[in-house]
């Protein structure tokens, strides 16, 4: 883990402009963060690198794309 400051999911969410629920999803998926006791922590360096990864926004398209 980095020696830079650690953030809570709420602080990380504010830092990159997403919800804290979404940050916790990323943590649970193993994409960012580490669990320390009962809490998730994310290093600032890790979050900066994660924020550089391009992502699509919005809901994924429905599998039912028929024009009925």
PDB file of N, CA and C in Angstrom:
ATOM      1  N   UNK A   1       0.847  -1.177   0.000  1.00  0.00           N
ATOM      2  CA  UNK A   1       0.000   0.000   0.000  1.00  0.00           C
ATOM      3  C   UNK A   1       0.892   1.239   0.000  1.00  0.00           C
ATOM      4  N   UNK A   2       0.404   2.309  -0.522  1.00  0.00           N
ATOM      5  CA  UNK A   2       1.132   3.561  -0.651  1.00  0.00           C
ATOM      6  C   UNK A   2       1.305   4.242   0.710  1.00  0.00           C
ATOM      7  N   UNK A   3       2.316   5.105   0.795  1.00  0.00           N
ATOM      8  CA  UNK A   3       2.510   5.896   2.015  1.00  0.00           C
ATOM      9  C   UNK A   3       1.730   7.204   1.960  1.00  0.00           C
ATOM     10  N   UNK A   4       1.053   7.455   0.846  1.00  0.00           N
ATOM     11  CA  UNK A   4       0.230   8.659   0.731  1.00  0.00           C
ATOM     12  C   UNK A   4      -0.996   8.525   1.623  1.00  0.00           C
ATOM     13  N   UNK A   5      -1.678   9.635   1.866  1.00  0.00           N
ATOM     14  CA  UNK A   5      -2.861   9.604   2.737  1.00  0.00           C
ATOM     15  C   UNK A   5      -3.912   8.598   2.277  1.00  0.00           C
ATOM     16  N   UNK A   6      -4.577   8.020   3.251  1.00  0.00           N
ATOM     17  CA  UNK A   6      -5.659   7.076   2.971  1.00  0.00           C
ATOM     18  C   UNK A   6      -6.988   7.805   3.038  1.00  0.00           C
ATOM     19  N   UNK A   7      -7.937   7.340   2.232  1.00  0.00           N
ATOM     20  CA  UNK A   7      -9.261   7.954   2.180  1.00  0.00           C
ATOM     21  C   UNK A   7     -10.324   6.921   2.521  1.00  0.00           C
ATOM     22  N   UNK A   8     -11.420   7.415   3.051  1.00  0.00           N
ATOM     23  CA  UNK A   8     -12.607   6.587   3.237  1.00  0.00           C
ATOM     24  C   UNK A   8     -13.330   6.499   1.892  1.00  0.00           C
ATOM     25  N   UNK A   9     -14.272   5.570   1.738  1.00  0.00           N
ATOM     26  CA  UNK A   9     -15.050   5.535   0.496  1.00  0.00           C
ATOM     27  C   UNK A   9     -15.763   6.863   0.217  1.00  0.00           C
ATOM     28  N   UNK A  10     -16.236   7.544   1.242  1.00  0.00           N
ATOM     29  CA  UNK A  10     -16.923   8.817   1.046  1.00  0.00           C
ATOM     30  C   UNK A  10     -15.966   9.873   0.498  1.00  0.00           C
ATOM     31  N   UNK A  11     -14.755   9.934   1.064  1.00  0.00           N
ATOM     32  CA  UNK A  11     -13.763  10.904   0.585  1.00  0.00           C
ATOM     33  C   UNK A  11     -13.335  10.570  -0.842  1.00  0.00           C
ATOM     34  N   UNK A  12     -13.148   9.288  -1.123  1.00  0.00           N
ATOM     35  CA  UNK A  12     -12.761   8.849  -2.467  1.00  0.00           C
ATOM     36  C   UNK A  12     -13.856   9.197  -3.474  1.00  0.00           C
ATOM     37  N   UNK A  13     -15.112   9.016  -3.079  1.00  0.00           N
ATOM     38  CA  UNK A  13     -16.235   9.335  -3.967  1.00  0.00           C
ATOM     39  C   UNK A  13     -16.238  10.814  -4.324  1.00  0.00           C
ATOM     40  N   UNK A  14     -16.034  11.664  -3.350  1.00  0.00           N
ATOM     41  CA  UNK A  14     -15.973  13.109  -3.607  1.00  0.00           C
ATOM     42  C   UNK A  14     -14.785  13.451  -4.493  1.00  0.00           C
ATOM     43  N   UNK A  15     -13.689  12.769  -4.312  1.00  0.00           N
ATOM     44  CA  UNK A  15     -12.460  13.028  -5.060  1.00  0.00           C
ATOM     45  C   UNK A  15     -12.640  12.774  -6.551  1.00  0.00           C
ATOM     46  N   UNK A  16     -13.357  11.683  -6.916  1.00  0.00           N
ATOM     47  CA  UNK A  16     -13.502  11.379  -8.346  1.00  0.00           C
ATOM     48  C   UNK A  16     -14.913  11.608  -8.878  1.00  0.00           C
ATOM     49  N   UNK A  17     -15.822  12.061  -8.027  1.00  0.00           N
ATOM     50  CA  UNK A  17     -17.148  12.452  -8.509  1.00  0.00           C
ATOM     51  C   UNK A  17     -18.115  11.309  -8.769  1.00  0.00           C
ATOM     52  N   UNK A  18     -18.073  10.286  -7.928  1.00  0.00           N
ATOM     53  CA  UNK A  18     -19.050   9.204  -8.010  1.00  0.00           C
ATOM     54  C   UNK A  18     -19.655   9.018  -6.622  1.00  0.00           C
ATOM     55  N   UNK A  19     -20.639   8.138  -6.514  1.00  0.00           N
ATOM     56  CA  UNK A  19     -21.262   7.915  -5.205  1.00  0.00           C
ATOM     57  C   UNK A  19     -20.385   7.018  -4.336  1.00  0.00           C
ATOM     58  N   UNK A  20     -20.538   7.136  -3.035  1.00  0.00           N
ATOM     59  CA  UNK A  20     -19.790   6.281  -2.111  1.00  0.00           C
ATOM     60  C   UNK A  20     -20.224   4.821  -2.266  1.00  0.00           C
ATOM     61  N   UNK A  21     -21.461   4.598  -2.675  1.00  0.00           N
ATOM     62  CA  UNK A  21     -21.937   3.228  -2.932  1.00  0.00           C
ATOM     63  C   UNK A  21     -21.136   2.623  -4.078  1.00  0.00           C
ATOM     64  N   UNK A  22     -20.890   3.419  -5.121  1.00  0.00           N
ATOM     65  CA  UNK A  22     -20.123   2.929  -6.271  1.00  0.00           C
ATOM     66  C   UNK A  22     -18.683   2.627  -5.867  1.00  0.00           C
ATOM     67  N   UNK A  23     -18.088   3.470  -5.026  1.00  0.00           N
ATOM     68  CA  UNK A  23     -16.727   3.215  -4.550  1.00  0.00           C
ATOM     69  C   UNK A  23     -16.691   1.903  -3.772  1.00  0.00           C
ATOM     70  N   UNK A  24     -17.683   1.678  -2.920  1.00  0.00           N
ATOM     71  CA  UNK A  24     -17.722   0.415  -2.167  1.00  0.00           C
ATOM     72  C   UNK A  24     -17.875  -0.784  -3.108  1.00  0.00           C
ATOM     73  N   UNK A  25     -18.633  -0.615  -4.200  1.00  0.00           N
ATOM     74  CA  UNK A  25     -18.743  -1.694  -5.193  1.00  0.00           C
ATOM     75  C   UNK A  25     -17.374  -1.978  -5.799  1.00  0.00           C
ATOM     76  N   UNK A  26     -16.636  -0.937  -6.159  1.00  0.00           N
ATOM     77  CA  UNK A  26     -15.295  -1.124  -6.710  1.00  0.00           C
ATOM     78  C   UNK A  26     -14.409  -1.851  -5.697  1.00  0.00           C
ATOM     79  N   UNK A  27     -14.522  -1.501  -4.425  1.00  0.00           N
ATOM     80  CA  UNK A  27     -13.734  -2.152  -3.375  1.00  0.00           C
ATOM     81  C   UNK A  27     -14.100  -3.632  -3.266  1.00  0.00           C
ATOM     82  N   UNK A  28     -15.386  -3.919  -3.211  1.00  0.00           N
ATOM     83  CA  UNK A  28     -15.856  -5.295  -3.087  1.00  0.00           C
ATOM     84  C   UNK A  28     -15.419  -6.139  -4.282  1.00  0.00           C
ATOM     85  N   UNK A  29     -15.388  -5.524  -5.467  1.00  0.00           N
ATOM     86  CA  UNK A  29     -14.953  -6.225  -6.684  1.00  0.00           C
ATOM     87  C   UNK A  29     -13.438  -6.400  -6.727  1.00  0.00           C
ATOM     88  N   UNK A  30     -12.717  -5.796  -5.791  1.00  0.00           N
ATOM     89  CA  UNK A  30     -11.264  -5.910  -5.754  1.00  0.00           C
ATOM     90  C   UNK A  30     -10.547  -4.968  -6.700  1.00  0.00           C
ATOM     91  N   UNK A  31     -11.255  -3.973  -7.193  1.00  0.00           N
ATOM     92  CA  UNK A  31     -10.660  -3.041  -8.158  1.00  0.00           C
ATOM     93  C   UNK A  31      -9.838  -1.958  -7.479  1.00  0.00           C
ATOM     94  N   UNK A  32     -10.217  -1.554  -6.286  1.00  0.00           N
ATOM     95  CA  UNK A  32      -9.463  -0.565  -5.517  1.00  0.00           C
ATOM     96  C   UNK A  32      -9.634  -0.863  -4.039  1.00  0.00           C
ATOM     97  N   UNK A  33      -8.784  -0.242  -3.242  1.00  0.00           N
ATOM     98  CA  UNK A  33      -8.933  -0.274  -1.793  1.00  0.00           C
ATOM     99  C   UNK A  33      -8.468  -1.542  -1.128  1.00  0.00           C
ATOM    100  N   UNK A  34      -8.462  -1.448   0.185  1.00  0.00           N
ATOM    101  CA  UNK A  34      -8.119  -2.556   1.046  1.00  0.00           C
ATOM    102  C   UNK A  34      -9.001  -2.479   2.275  1.00  0.00           C
ATOM    103  N   UNK A  35      -9.353  -3.628   2.789  1.00  0.00           N
ATOM    104  CA  UNK A  35     -10.163  -3.666   3.998  1.00  0.00           C
ATOM    105  C   UNK A  35      -9.224  -3.692   5.198  1.00  0.00           C
ATOM    106  N   UNK A  36      -9.426  -2.760   6.104  1.00  0.00           N
ATOM    107  CA  UNK A  36      -8.665  -2.690   7.342  1.00  0.00           C
ATOM    108  C   UNK A  36      -9.673  -2.819   8.464  1.00  0.00           C
ATOM    109  N   UNK A  37      -9.687  -3.967   9.107  1.00  0.00           N
ATOM    110  CA  UNK A  37     -10.722  -4.242  10.101  1.00  0.00           C
ATOM    111  C   UNK A  37     -12.055  -4.350   9.393  1.00  0.00           C
ATOM    112  N   UNK A  38     -12.981  -3.504   9.775  1.00  0.00           N
ATOM    113  CA  UNK A  38     -14.316  -3.493   9.167  1.00  0.00           C
ATOM    114  C   UNK A  38     -14.479  -2.398   8.125  1.00  0.00           C
ATOM    115  N   UNK A  39     -13.429  -1.623   7.864  1.00  0.00           N
ATOM    116  CA  UNK A  39     -13.548  -0.454   6.986  1.00  0.00           C
ATOM    117  C   UNK A  39     -12.696  -0.589   5.738  1.00  0.00           C
ATOM    118  N   UNK A  40     -13.179   0.029   4.669  1.00  0.00           N
ATOM    119  CA  UNK A  40     -12.411   0.121   3.435  1.00  0.00           C
ATOM    120  C   UNK A  40     -11.577   1.389   3.467  1.00  0.00           C
ATOM    121  N   UNK A  41     -10.338   1.296   2.985  1.00  0.00           N
ATOM    122  CA  UNK A  41      -9.484   2.470   2.818  1.00  0.00           C
ATOM    123  C   UNK A  41      -8.885   2.429   1.421  1.00  0.00           C
ATOM    124  N   UNK A  42      -8.720   3.602   0.842  1.00  0.00           N
ATOM    125  CA  UNK A  42      -8.192   3.733  -0.507  1.00  0.00           C
ATOM    126  C   UNK A  42      -7.070   4.764  -0.446  1.00  0.00           C
ATOM    127  N   UNK A  43      -5.911   4.409  -1.003  1.00  0.00           N
ATOM    128  CA  UNK A  43      -4.807   5.389  -1.018  1.00  0.00           C
ATOM    129  C   UNK A  43      -5.073   6.418  -2.115  1.00  0.00           C
ATOM    130  N   UNK A  44      -4.582   7.613  -1.878  1.00  0.00           N
ATOM    131  CA  UNK A  44      -4.771   8.688  -2.848  1.00  0.00           C
ATOM    132  C   UNK A  44      -4.097   8.341  -4.176  1.00  0.00           C
ATOM    133  N   UNK A  45      -2.913   7.749  -4.116  1.00  0.00           N
ATOM    134  CA  UNK A  45      -2.196   7.352  -5.325  1.00  0.00           C
ATOM    135  C   UNK A  45      -2.985   6.306  -6.113  1.00  0.00           C
ATOM    136  N   UNK A  46      -3.496   5.308  -5.417  1.00  0.00           N
ATOM    137  CA  UNK A  46      -4.303   4.264  -6.057  1.00  0.00           C
ATOM    138  C   UNK A  46      -5.546   4.859  -6.712  1.00  0.00           C
ATOM    139  N   UNK A  47      -6.186   5.790  -6.028  1.00  0.00           N
ATOM    140  CA  UNK A  47      -7.398   6.414  -6.549  1.00  0.00           C
ATOM    141  C   UNK A  47      -7.090   7.264  -7.781  1.00  0.00           C
ATOM    142  N   UNK A  48      -5.964   7.976  -7.761  1.00  0.00           N
ATOM    143  CA  UNK A  48      -5.570   8.765  -8.933  1.00  0.00           C
ATOM    144  C   UNK A  48      -5.374   7.873 -10.152  1.00  0.00           C
ATOM    145  N   UNK A  49      -4.686   6.744  -9.959  1.00  0.00           N
ATOM    146  CA  UNK A  49      -4.470   5.808 -11.066  1.00  0.00           C
ATOM    147  C   UNK A  49      -5.791   5.215 -11.548  1.00  0.00           C
ATOM    148  N   UNK A  50      -6.662   4.864 -10.631  1.00  0.00           N
ATOM    149  CA  UNK A  50      -7.964   4.289 -10.965  1.00  0.00           C
ATOM    150  C   UNK A  50      -8.817   5.297 -11.740  1.00  0.00           C
ATOM    151  N   UNK A  51      -8.748   6.563 -11.353  1.00  0.00           N
ATOM    152  CA  UNK A  51      -9.559   7.596 -11.997  1.00  0.00           C
ATOM    153  C   UNK A  51      -9.123   7.844 -13.445  1.00  0.00           C
ATOM    154  N   UNK A  52      -7.894   7.492 -13.799  1.00  0.00           N
ATOM    155  CA  UNK A  52      -7.397   7.687 -15.161  1.00  0.00           C
ATOM    156  C   UNK A  52      -7.956   6.659 -16.142  1.00  0.00           C
ATOM    157  N   UNK A  53      -8.476   5.549 -15.641  1.00  0.00           N
ATOM    158  CA  UNK A  53      -8.996   4.488 -16.505  1.00  0.00           C
ATOM    159  C   UNK A  53     -10.307   4.964 -17.126  1.00  0.00           C
ATOM    160  N   UNK A  54     -10.396   4.985 -18.474  1.00  0.00           N
ATOM    161  CA  UNK A  54     -11.645   5.437 -19.108  1.00  0.00           C
ATOM    162  C   UNK A  54     -12.788   4.461 -18.827  1.00  0.00           C
ATOM    163  N   UNK A  55     -13.947   5.017 -18.544  1.00  0.00           N
ATOM    164  CA  UNK A  55     -15.141   4.211 -18.284  1.00  0.00           C
ATOM    165  C   UNK A  55     -16.331   4.812 -18.996  1.00  0.00           C
ATOM    166  N   UNK A  56     -17.275   3.945 -19.343  1.00  0.00           N
ATOM    167  CA  UNK A  56     -18.525   4.434 -19.893  1.00  0.00           C
ATOM    168  C   UNK A  56     -19.429   4.828 -18.733  1.00  0.00           C
ATOM    169  N   UNK A  57     -20.217   5.867 -18.950  1.00  0.00           N
ATOM    170  CA  UNK A  57     -21.153   6.291 -17.920  1.00  0.00           C
ATOM    171  C   UNK A  57     -22.549   5.809 -18.268  1.00  0.00           C
ATOM    172  N   UNK A  58     -23.395   5.763 -17.281  1.00  0.00           N
ATOM    173  CA  UNK A  58     -24.787   5.390 -17.502  1.00  0.00           C
ATOM    174  C   UNK A  58     -25.028   3.897 -17.396  1.00  0.00           C
ATOM    175  N   UNK A  59     -26.253   3.540 -17.566  1.00  0.00           N
ATOM    176  CA  UNK A  59     -26.689   2.156 -17.459  1.00  0.00           C
ATOM    177  C   UNK A  59     -26.308   1.389 -18.729  1.00  0.00           C
ATOM    178  N   UNK A  60     -25.845   0.142 -18.576  1.00  0.00           N
ATOM    179  CA  UNK A  60     -25.544  -0.661 -19.763  1.00  0.00           C
ATOM    180  C   UNK A  60     -26.803  -0.908 -20.584  1.00  0.00           C
ATOM    181  N   UNK A  61     -26.666  -1.087 -21.898  1.00  0.00           N
ATOM    182  CA  UNK A  61     -27.846  -1.339 -22.729  1.00  0.00           C
ATOM    183  C   UNK A  61     -28.543  -2.634 -22.333  1.00  0.00           C
ATOM    184  N   UNK A  62     -29.835  -2.632 -22.483  1.00  0.00           N
ATOM    185  CA  UNK A  62     -30.643  -3.802 -22.177  1.00  0.00           C
ATOM    186  C   UNK A  62     -30.335  -4.917 -23.168  1.00  0.00           C
ATOM    187  N   UNK A  63     -30.417  -6.167 -22.725  1.00  0.00           N
ATOM    188  CA  UNK A  63     -30.214  -7.289 -23.616  1.00  0.00           C
ATOM    189  C   UNK A  63     -31.385  -7.418 -24.593  1.00  0.00           C
ATOM    190  N   UNK A  64     -32.548  -6.942 -24.204  1.00  0.00           N
ATOM    191  CA  UNK A  64     -33.730  -6.995 -25.050  1.00  0.00           C
ATOM    192  C   UNK A  64     -33.738  -5.739 -25.915  1.00  0.00           C
ATOM    193  N   UNK A  65     -33.162  -5.831 -27.109  1.00  0.00           N
ATOM    194  CA  UNK A  65     -33.068  -4.667 -28.001  1.00  0.00           C
ATOM    195  C   UNK A  65     -34.015  -4.750 -29.176  1.00  0.00           C
ATOM    196  N   UNK A  66     -35.011  -5.628 -29.078  1.00  0.00           N
ATOM    197  CA  UNK A  66     -35.955  -5.756 -30.188  1.00  0.00           C
ATOM    198  C   UNK A  66     -36.831  -4.507 -30.293  1.00  0.00           C
ATOM    199  N   UNK A  67     -37.190  -4.167 -31.497  1.00  0.00           N
ATOM    200  CA  UNK A  67     -38.037  -2.988 -31.733  1.00  0.00           C
ATOM    201  C   UNK A  67     -39.484  -3.415 -31.906  1.00  0.00           C
ATOM    202  N   UNK A  68     -40.052  -3.988 -30.894  1.00  0.00           N
ATOM    203  CA  UNK A  68     -41.428  -4.484 -30.963  1.00  0.00           C
ATOM    204  C   UNK A  68     -42.400  -3.392 -30.641  1.00  0.00           C
TER     205      UNK A  68
END
